[in-house]
C-alpha cells in the first residue's frame, strides 16, 4: 500500500507542478499583478485555486461515484483525460515563454484570481477527466492516498505560481528565459508519459486491453 500511496503522491506532484508553471489565464494574471502591484499581489492571485476548486472537486466526485459501476463510461472519460493531458504536454513542449499584457482592471488581486480561475475551462476539464478519476482510484486504496494526491497537486500548483511571482518580481525576463522554457518542455515530456498511462487505463476499462 505504501508504494501505491507514493505513486498517487508523485502523480499529484507532477500534475500540480505542470499546471502551476503552465502558461494560461491564471499564470498571466499572476505575472501581470506582480508587475503592476508587486510580489504580494501576484501571490494573492496564486492562491485563487484553493478557494474556487473545492465545489468542482465535490461535484465531480459525486458524479463519478454514480458512474462507478459503468466501466465503459469511466474508460471513455479516462481516454478523454489522456487526450487532455497529451494536449497540455504538447503545449508545454512548444512553449516559447510568457509575455502577459497589462490588466488595468480595478478589481483586487485575489478577486481577479477567483474570477479568472472560476471562468477558465481548465479546472473543470482537469477534474472531470483526470483529477476526479484519479482521486476515485486513490480512494480505492485508502483515504490517505486520495488526500496525498489532492494535497500534493494543490501544494505544487499554488507553490509553483508563488515561486513564479517571486521570480518575476526579481526579474521580469524570467518567463521568457531558457530556464523556464526548459522546465516547461521537461514537464511536457512527463505529461505525455502520464497521458499514455491514462490511455492504457482507459483501454483496460473498455476491455480493449
Foldseek 3Di string as FASTA:
>chain_A
DVVLLVVLLVVLQLLLQLLQLADDDLLLLLLLCCVPPNLVLSLLLLCQCVVQLPVLLVVLLVVVVVCVVVLLVLLVLLLLLLVVLLVSLVSLQPDQFDDHDHDPDPDGSNVVSNVRVNPDCVSNSCCNRPVNVSLVVLVVVPNSSSCSNNVSNSCNNSVSSSVVSVVCNVPVCVRNDPVSSVVSNVSSVVSNVVSVVSNVSSCVSVVVD
